[in-house]
Amino acid sequence: AEATEAGIPNIELVKLAARGRLRHVAYGLYHFDEMPPTPLDQYFEAVRRVGGDAHLTGESVLAIYGLALVNPQHIWVGTSRLVRAQIPDWMKVIREHVPADEMEEFEGIPVTTVARAIRDCAATVMRERLLDAVAEADRQGLLATGEAARLRRELQTLAMICIQTESVPRSGDPLTQRIHTLRFQAKATRDQRLGEQCKTAISLQSGARIGQQVAQGAGGA
């Protein structure tokens, strides 16, 4: 899309790739290897591979901002669509619907807000690191007015509930983990917004499972 907007026909991209001037990365995605690499290249590629409303989510958002000392093994990309394209091992894609007011851009890369990322990581990143992330994000002006105080209250309440109930159930699936976390947070704060987010996440999870069953059925046909 960017090439077309710049007046470069798709056929020219194919020709340049054939001559070795461009490297074909994925469908509709090319890389100009003569450009010096940057630390953001892989994040940009991850989002472009998924396409549509794809965005960085969870620990990858904290990582791109340099918060909470996270170093995720994968780049986490969220999207509301069911992705059927082959995804490289260094990426993980989860289905999630993120409201417009919880989305922003970092150097042209769609990301969830830092506040959303901190909440999403409440059950997977140490609370002390998240509290440090809240303080640093607030210092850098990455949080809306009053958001730092709300995040601190939510993290503290979640910690108290974890103590009372042993822990938030852990899962290798980020969407399932988010559902667990939202349930705990909604119960702790009685925040209707969190309850609605939990319902949306459960709906997306159900849709993803149905999609997987359909794909498996087609593969076995």
C-alpha atoms as a PDB file:
ATOM      1  CA  ALA A   1       0.000   0.000   0.000  1.00  0.00           C
ATOM      2  CA  GLU A   2       2.792   2.416   0.875  1.00  0.00           C
ATOM      3  CA  ALA A   3       4.530   1.726  -2.454  1.00  0.00           C
ATOM      4  CA  THR A   4       1.315   2.330  -4.388  1.00  0.00           C
ATOM      5  CA  GLU A   5       0.753   5.602  -2.535  1.00  0.00           C
ATOM      6  CA  ALA A   6       4.303   6.606  -3.502  1.00  0.00           C
ATOM      7  CA  GLY A   7       3.491   5.938  -7.156  1.00  0.00           C
ATOM      8  CA  ILE A   8       5.416   2.640  -7.455  1.00  0.00           C
ATOM      9  CA  PRO A   9       3.376  -0.070  -9.273  1.00  0.00           C
ATOM     10  CA  ASN A  10       3.368  -3.556  -7.756  1.00  0.00           C
ATOM     11  CA  ILE A  11       4.965  -4.974 -10.900  1.00  0.00           C
ATOM     12  CA  GLU A  12       7.976  -2.735 -10.336  1.00  0.00           C
ATOM     13  CA  LEU A  13       8.413  -4.181  -6.847  1.00  0.00           C
ATOM     14  CA  VAL A  14       8.398  -7.671  -8.325  1.00  0.00           C
ATOM     15  CA  LYS A  15      11.013  -6.648 -10.906  1.00  0.00           C
ATOM     16  CA  LEU A  16      13.239  -5.031  -8.262  1.00  0.00           C
ATOM     17  CA  ALA A  17      13.001  -8.186  -6.127  1.00  0.00           C
ATOM     18  CA  ALA A  18      13.954 -10.328  -9.125  1.00  0.00           C
ATOM     19  CA  ARG A  19      17.034  -8.147  -9.670  1.00  0.00           C
ATOM     20  CA  GLY A  20      18.026  -8.477  -6.029  1.00  0.00           C
ATOM     21  CA  ARG A  21      17.378  -4.803  -5.246  1.00  0.00           C
ATOM     22  CA  LEU A  22      14.554  -5.712  -2.858  1.00  0.00           C
ATOM     23  CA  ARG A  23      14.011  -8.753  -0.664  1.00  0.00           C
ATOM     24  CA  HIS A  24      10.550 -10.315  -0.689  1.00  0.00           C
ATOM     25  CA  VAL A  25       9.599 -10.876   2.955  1.00  0.00           C
ATOM     26  CA  ALA A  26       5.928 -11.879   2.765  1.00  0.00           C
ATOM     27  CA  TYR A  27       2.872 -11.282   0.621  1.00  0.00           C
ATOM     28  CA  GLY A  28       2.917  -7.600  -0.327  1.00  0.00           C
ATOM     29  CA  LEU A  29       5.907  -6.951   1.942  1.00  0.00           C
ATOM     30  CA  TYR A  30       9.404  -6.130   0.679  1.00  0.00           C
ATOM     31  CA  HIS A  31      12.592  -5.021   2.414  1.00  0.00           C
ATOM     32  CA  PHE A  32      15.244  -2.742   0.974  1.00  0.00           C
ATOM     33  CA  ASP A  33      18.399  -4.316   2.445  1.00  0.00           C
ATOM     34  CA  GLU A  34      20.623  -1.374   1.500  1.00  0.00           C
ATOM     35  CA  MET A  35      18.831   0.728   4.111  1.00  0.00           C
ATOM     36  CA  PRO A  36      20.619   0.635   7.488  1.00  0.00           C
ATOM     37  CA  PRO A  37      18.760  -1.572   9.990  1.00  0.00           C
ATOM     38  CA  THR A  38      17.057  -0.088  13.047  1.00  0.00           C
ATOM     39  CA  PRO A  39      15.888  -1.667  16.336  1.00  0.00           C
ATOM     40  CA  LEU A  40      12.287  -1.169  15.189  1.00  0.00           C
ATOM     41  CA  ASP A  41      12.522  -3.091  11.900  1.00  0.00           C
ATOM     42  CA  GLN A  42      11.257  -6.399  13.266  1.00  0.00           C
ATOM     43  CA  TYR A  43       8.361  -4.754  15.121  1.00  0.00           C
ATOM     44  CA  PHE A  44       7.330  -2.995  11.913  1.00  0.00           C
ATOM     45  CA  GLU A  45       7.616  -6.227   9.929  1.00  0.00           C
ATOM     46  CA  ALA A  46       5.559  -8.157  12.481  1.00  0.00           C
ATOM     47  CA  VAL A  47       2.644  -5.741  12.252  1.00  0.00           C
ATOM     48  CA  ARG A  48       2.826  -5.571   8.440  1.00  0.00           C
ATOM     49  CA  ARG A  49       2.876  -9.380   8.143  1.00  0.00           C
ATOM     50  CA  VAL A  50      -0.481  -9.596   9.911  1.00  0.00           C
ATOM     51  CA  GLY A  51      -1.983  -6.512   8.241  1.00  0.00           C
ATOM     52  CA  GLY A  52      -5.412  -5.004   8.827  1.00  0.00           C
ATOM     53  CA  ASP A  53      -5.807  -3.644  12.352  1.00  0.00           C
ATOM     54  CA  ALA A  54      -2.654  -5.432  13.580  1.00  0.00           C
ATOM     55  CA  HIS A  55      -0.787  -3.782  16.432  1.00  0.00           C
ATOM     56  CA  LEU A  56       1.815  -4.543  19.057  1.00  0.00           C
ATOM     57  CA  THR A  57       0.337  -5.703  22.325  1.00  0.00           C
ATOM     58  CA  GLY A  58       1.278  -6.733  25.861  1.00  0.00           C
ATOM     59  CA  GLU A  59       4.961  -7.170  26.677  1.00  0.00           C
ATOM     60  CA  SER A  60       6.014  -6.050  23.184  1.00  0.00           C
ATOM     61  CA  VAL A  61       4.551  -2.603  23.893  1.00  0.00           C
ATOM     62  CA  LEU A  62       6.457  -2.386  27.170  1.00  0.00           C
ATOM     63  CA  ALA A  63       9.603  -3.565  25.377  1.00  0.00           C
ATOM     64  CA  ILE A  64       9.374  -0.991  22.590  1.00  0.00           C
ATOM     65  CA  TYR A  65       9.062   1.772  25.190  1.00  0.00           C
ATOM     66  CA  GLY A  66      11.836   0.281  27.330  1.00  0.00           C
ATOM     67  CA  LEU A  67       9.589  -0.294  30.356  1.00  0.00           C
ATOM     68  CA  ALA A  68       9.417  -2.962  33.093  1.00  0.00           C
ATOM     69  CA  LEU A  69      12.736  -4.575  32.031  1.00  0.00           C
ATOM     70  CA  VAL A  70      10.847  -7.031  29.829  1.00  0.00           C
ATOM     71  CA  ASN A  71      12.617  -8.994  27.110  1.00  0.00           C
ATOM     72  CA  PRO A  72       9.933 -11.160  25.466  1.00  0.00           C
ATOM     73  CA  GLN A  73      11.082 -14.114  23.389  1.00  0.00           C
ATOM     74  CA  HIS A  74       8.435 -13.296  20.787  1.00  0.00           C
ATOM     75  CA  ILE A  75       6.930 -10.168  19.287  1.00  0.00           C
ATOM     76  CA  TRP A  76       3.272 -10.143  20.303  1.00  0.00           C
ATOM     77  CA  VAL A  77       0.819  -8.829  17.708  1.00  0.00           C
ATOM     78  CA  GLY A  78      -2.879  -8.341  18.345  1.00  0.00           C
ATOM     79  CA  THR A  79      -5.625  -8.243  15.733  1.00  0.00           C
ATOM     80  CA  SER A  80      -9.385  -8.645  15.631  1.00  0.00           C
ATOM     81  CA  ARG A  81      -9.098 -10.861  12.537  1.00  0.00           C
ATOM     82  CA  LEU A  82      -8.524 -14.592  12.245  1.00  0.00           C
ATOM     83  CA  VAL A  83      -5.056 -14.873  10.713  1.00  0.00           C
ATOM     84  CA  ARG A  84      -4.515 -17.803   8.362  1.00  0.00           C
ATOM     85  CA  ALA A  85      -1.190 -16.693   6.889  1.00  0.00           C
ATOM     86  CA  GLN A  86       1.965 -18.512   7.969  1.00  0.00           C
ATOM     87  CA  ILE A  87       3.639 -16.654  10.820  1.00  0.00           C
ATOM     88  CA  PRO A  88       7.371 -16.989  11.629  1.00  0.00           C
ATOM     89  CA  ASP A  89       8.418 -18.535  14.930  1.00  0.00           C
ATOM     90  CA  TRP A  90       9.610 -15.216  16.371  1.00  0.00           C
ATOM     91  CA  MET A  91       6.048 -13.848  16.278  1.00  0.00           C
ATOM     92  CA  LYS A  92       2.920 -14.637  18.278  1.00  0.00           C
ATOM     93  CA  VAL A  93      -0.508 -13.433  17.149  1.00  0.00           C
ATOM     94  CA  ILE A  94      -3.520 -13.146  19.453  1.00  0.00           C
ATOM     95  CA  ARG A  95      -7.063 -12.071  18.675  1.00  0.00           C
ATOM     96  CA  GLU A  96      -8.251  -9.057  20.598  1.00  0.00           C
ATOM     97  CA  HIS A  97     -10.478  -6.074  19.967  1.00  0.00           C
ATOM     98  CA  VAL A  98      -8.882  -2.876  21.248  1.00  0.00           C
ATOM     99  CA  PRO A  99     -11.013   0.298  21.467  1.00  0.00           C
ATOM    100  CA  ALA A 100      -9.716   3.304  19.523  1.00  0.00           C
ATOM    101  CA  ASP A 101      -9.016   5.216  22.730  1.00  0.00           C
ATOM    102  CA  GLU A 102      -6.583   2.468  23.804  1.00  0.00           C
ATOM    103  CA  MET A 103      -4.562   2.621  20.576  1.00  0.00           C
ATOM    104  CA  GLU A 104      -1.712   4.918  19.542  1.00  0.00           C
ATOM    105  CA  GLU A 105       1.420   4.863  17.365  1.00  0.00           C
ATOM    106  CA  PHE A 106       5.104   4.570  18.200  1.00  0.00           C
ATOM    107  CA  GLU A 107       7.352   5.735  15.357  1.00  0.00           C
ATOM    108  CA  GLY A 108       4.599   4.843  12.896  1.00  0.00           C
ATOM    109  CA  ILE A 109       3.946   1.392  14.418  1.00  0.00           C
ATOM    110  CA  PRO A 110       0.422   0.778  15.789  1.00  0.00           C
ATOM    111  CA  VAL A 111       0.581  -0.131  19.485  1.00  0.00           C
ATOM    112  CA  THR A 112      -1.811  -0.304  22.389  1.00  0.00           C
ATOM    113  CA  THR A 113      -1.477   2.460  24.942  1.00  0.00           C
ATOM    114  CA  VAL A 114       1.088   1.929  27.680  1.00  0.00           C
ATOM    115  CA  ALA A 115      -1.709   1.841  30.258  1.00  0.00           C
ATOM    116  CA  ARG A 116      -3.427  -0.973  28.389  1.00  0.00           C
ATOM    117  CA  ALA A 117      -0.132  -2.865  28.019  1.00  0.00           C
ATOM    118  CA  ILE A 118       0.556  -2.616  31.745  1.00  0.00           C
ATOM    119  CA  ARG A 119      -2.918  -3.966  32.532  1.00  0.00           C
ATOM    120  CA  ASP A 120      -2.483  -6.769  29.983  1.00  0.00           C
ATOM    121  CA  CYS A 121       0.767  -7.809  31.664  1.00  0.00           C
ATOM    122  CA  ALA A 122      -0.562  -7.725  35.220  1.00  0.00           C
ATOM    123  CA  ALA A 123      -0.492 -11.514  35.532  1.00  0.00           C
ATOM    124  CA  THR A 124       2.736 -12.192  33.644  1.00  0.00           C
ATOM    125  CA  VAL A 125       5.189  -9.481  34.763  1.00  0.00           C
ATOM    126  CA  MET A 126       6.362  -8.905  38.340  1.00  0.00           C
ATOM    127  CA  ARG A 127       4.244  -6.297  40.118  1.00  0.00           C
ATOM    128  CA  GLU A 128       7.311  -4.352  41.250  1.00  0.00           C
ATOM    129  CA  ARG A 129       8.464  -4.012  37.639  1.00  0.00           C
ATOM    130  CA  LEU A 130       5.026  -2.888  36.536  1.00  0.00           C
ATOM    131  CA  LEU A 131       4.928  -0.287  39.312  1.00  0.00           C
ATOM    132  CA  ASP A 132       8.320   0.956  38.127  1.00  0.00           C
ATOM    133  CA  ALA A 133       6.907   1.036  34.590  1.00  0.00           C
ATOM    134  CA  VAL A 134       3.967   3.127  35.794  1.00  0.00           C
ATOM    135  CA  ALA A 135       6.314   5.628  37.440  1.00  0.00           C
ATOM    136  CA  GLU A 136       8.586   5.856  34.380  1.00  0.00           C
ATOM    137  CA  ALA A 137       5.699   6.100  31.921  1.00  0.00           C
ATOM    138  CA  ASP A 138       4.137   8.834  34.033  1.00  0.00           C
ATOM    139  CA  ARG A 139       7.461  10.698  34.127  1.00  0.00           C
ATOM    140  CA  GLN A 140       7.708  10.492  30.327  1.00  0.00           C
ATOM    141  CA  GLY A 141       4.161  11.708  29.836  1.00  0.00           C
ATOM    142  CA  LEU A 142       2.975   8.404  28.389  1.00  0.00           C
ATOM    143  CA  LEU A 143      -0.060   8.163  30.676  1.00  0.00           C
ATOM    144  CA  ALA A 144      -3.223  10.228  30.724  1.00  0.00           C
ATOM    145  CA  THR A 145      -3.950  12.456  33.712  1.00  0.00           C
ATOM    146  CA  GLY A 146      -4.828  10.333  36.742  1.00  0.00           C
ATOM    147  CA  GLU A 147      -3.953   7.067  34.944  1.00  0.00           C
ATOM    148  CA  ALA A 148      -0.857   6.385  37.053  1.00  0.00           C
ATOM    149  CA  ALA A 149      -2.858   6.500  40.271  1.00  0.00           C
ATOM    150  CA  ARG A 150      -5.529   4.206  38.814  1.00  0.00           C
ATOM    151  CA  LEU A 151      -2.919   1.704  37.641  1.00  0.00           C
ATOM    152  CA  ARG A 152      -1.228   1.647  41.045  1.00  0.00           C
ATOM    153  CA  ARG A 153      -4.580   0.966  42.750  1.00  0.00           C
ATOM    154  CA  GLU A 154      -5.431  -1.813  40.299  1.00  0.00           C
ATOM    155  CA  LEU A 155      -2.034  -3.490  40.650  1.00  0.00           C
ATOM    156  CA  GLN A 156      -2.204  -3.284  44.447  1.00  0.00           C
ATOM    157  CA  THR A 157      -5.746  -4.681  44.538  1.00  0.00           C
ATOM    158  CA  LEU A 158      -4.829  -7.465  42.154  1.00  0.00           C
ATOM    159  CA  ALA A 159      -1.867  -8.382  44.363  1.00  0.00           C
ATOM    160  CA  MET A 160      -4.147  -8.578  47.407  1.00  0.00           C
ATOM    161  CA  ILE A 161      -6.596 -10.843  45.592  1.00  0.00           C
ATOM    162  CA  CYS A 162      -3.737 -13.060  44.390  1.00  0.00           C
ATOM    163  CA  ILE A 163      -2.600 -13.493  47.984  1.00  0.00           C
ATOM    164  CA  GLN A 164      -6.126 -14.393  49.102  1.00  0.00           C
ATOM    165  CA  THR A 165      -6.710 -16.831  46.236  1.00  0.00           C
ATOM    166  CA  GLU A 166      -3.094 -18.056  45.877  1.00  0.00           C
ATOM    167  CA  SER A 167      -2.599 -16.560  42.400  1.00  0.00           C
ATOM    168  CA  VAL A 168      -4.132 -15.546  39.119  1.00  0.00           C
ATOM    169  CA  PRO A 169      -4.432 -18.757  37.072  1.00  0.00           C
ATOM    170  CA  ARG A 170      -1.577 -18.866  34.594  1.00  0.00           C
ATOM    171  CA  SER A 171      -1.847 -20.020  31.011  1.00  0.00           C
ATOM    172  CA  GLY A 172       0.525 -20.201  28.047  1.00  0.00           C
ATOM    173  CA  ASP A 173      -2.183 -18.610  25.896  1.00  0.00           C
ATOM    174  CA  PRO A 174      -2.038 -14.779  26.215  1.00  0.00           C
ATOM    175  CA  LEU A 175      -5.759 -14.346  25.483  1.00  0.00           C
ATOM    176  CA  THR A 176      -6.730 -16.863  28.172  1.00  0.00           C
ATOM    177  CA  GLN A 177      -4.306 -15.172  30.541  1.00  0.00           C
ATOM    178  CA  ARG A 178      -5.912 -11.798  29.785  1.00  0.00           C
ATOM    179  CA  ILE A 179      -9.372 -13.232  30.530  1.00  0.00           C
ATOM    180  CA  HIS A 180      -8.135 -14.484  33.914  1.00  0.00           C
ATOM    181  CA  THR A 181      -6.592 -11.099  34.689  1.00  0.00           C
ATOM    182  CA  LEU A 182      -9.665  -9.122  33.627  1.00  0.00           C
ATOM    183  CA  ARG A 183     -11.876 -11.316  35.792  1.00  0.00           C
ATOM    184  CA  PHE A 184      -9.702 -10.640  38.812  1.00  0.00           C
ATOM    185  CA  GLN A 185      -9.474  -6.920  38.075  1.00  0.00           C
ATOM    186  CA  ALA A 186     -13.209  -6.558  37.455  1.00  0.00           C
ATOM    187  CA  LYS A 187     -13.950  -8.381  40.695  1.00  0.00           C
ATOM    188  CA  ALA A 188     -11.441  -6.262  42.593  1.00  0.00           C
ATOM    189  CA  THR A 189     -12.493  -2.859  41.293  1.00  0.00           C
ATOM    190  CA  ARG A 190     -16.123  -3.563  40.316  1.00  0.00           C
ATOM    191  CA  ASP A 191     -15.288  -1.666  37.144  1.00  0.00           C
ATOM    192  CA  GLN A 192     -18.002  -2.320  34.554  1.00  0.00           C
ATOM    193  CA  ARG A 193     -15.572  -1.400  31.738  1.00  0.00           C
ATOM    194  CA  LEU A 194     -13.247  -4.246  32.743  1.00  0.00           C
ATOM    195  CA  GLY A 195     -16.200  -6.620  32.869  1.00  0.00           C
ATOM    196  CA  GLU A 196     -17.158  -5.701  29.310  1.00  0.00           C
ATOM    197  CA  GLN A 197     -13.551  -6.175  28.147  1.00  0.00           C
ATOM    198  CA  CYS A 198     -13.590  -9.637  29.718  1.00  0.00           C
ATOM    199  CA  LYS A 199     -16.779 -10.539  27.826  1.00  0.00           C
ATOM    200  CA  THR A 200     -15.218  -9.320  24.564  1.00  0.00           C
ATOM    201  CA  ALA A 201     -12.073 -11.380  25.177  1.00  0.00           C
ATOM    202  CA  ILE A 202     -14.154 -14.501  25.887  1.00  0.00           C
ATOM    203  CA  SER A 203     -16.118 -13.914  22.671  1.00  0.00           C
ATOM    204  CA  LEU A 204     -12.897 -13.574  20.659  1.00  0.00           C
ATOM    205  CA  GLN A 205     -11.512 -16.723  22.244  1.00  0.00           C
ATOM    206  CA  SER A 206     -14.643 -18.663  21.294  1.00  0.00           C
ATOM    207  CA  GLY A 207     -14.425 -17.366  17.723  1.00  0.00           C
ATOM    208  CA  ALA A 208     -10.756 -18.350  17.483  1.00  0.00           C
ATOM    209  CA  ARG A 209     -11.507 -21.891  18.672  1.00  0.00           C
ATOM    210  CA  ILE A 210     -14.303 -22.266  16.115  1.00  0.00           C
ATOM    211  CA  GLY A 211     -11.942 -20.983  13.402  1.00  0.00           C
ATOM    212  CA  GLN A 212      -9.292 -23.515  14.411  1.00  0.00           C
ATOM    213  CA  GLN A 213     -11.838 -26.342  14.324  1.00  0.00           C
ATOM    214  CA  VAL A 214     -13.000 -25.306  10.860  1.00  0.00           C
ATOM    215  CA  ALA A 215      -9.396 -25.101   9.634  1.00  0.00           C
ATOM    216  CA  GLN A 216      -8.600 -28.517  11.084  1.00  0.00           C
ATOM    217  CA  GLY A 217     -11.724 -29.959   9.469  1.00  0.00           C
ATOM    218  CA  ALA A 218     -10.750 -28.504   6.103  1.00  0.00           C
ATOM    219  CA  GLY A 219      -7.234 -29.875   6.464  1.00  0.00           C
ATOM    220  CA  GLY A 220      -8.518 -33.347   7.148  1.00  0.00           C
ATOM    221  CA  ALA A 221     -10.993 -33.286   4.281  1.00  0.00           C
END
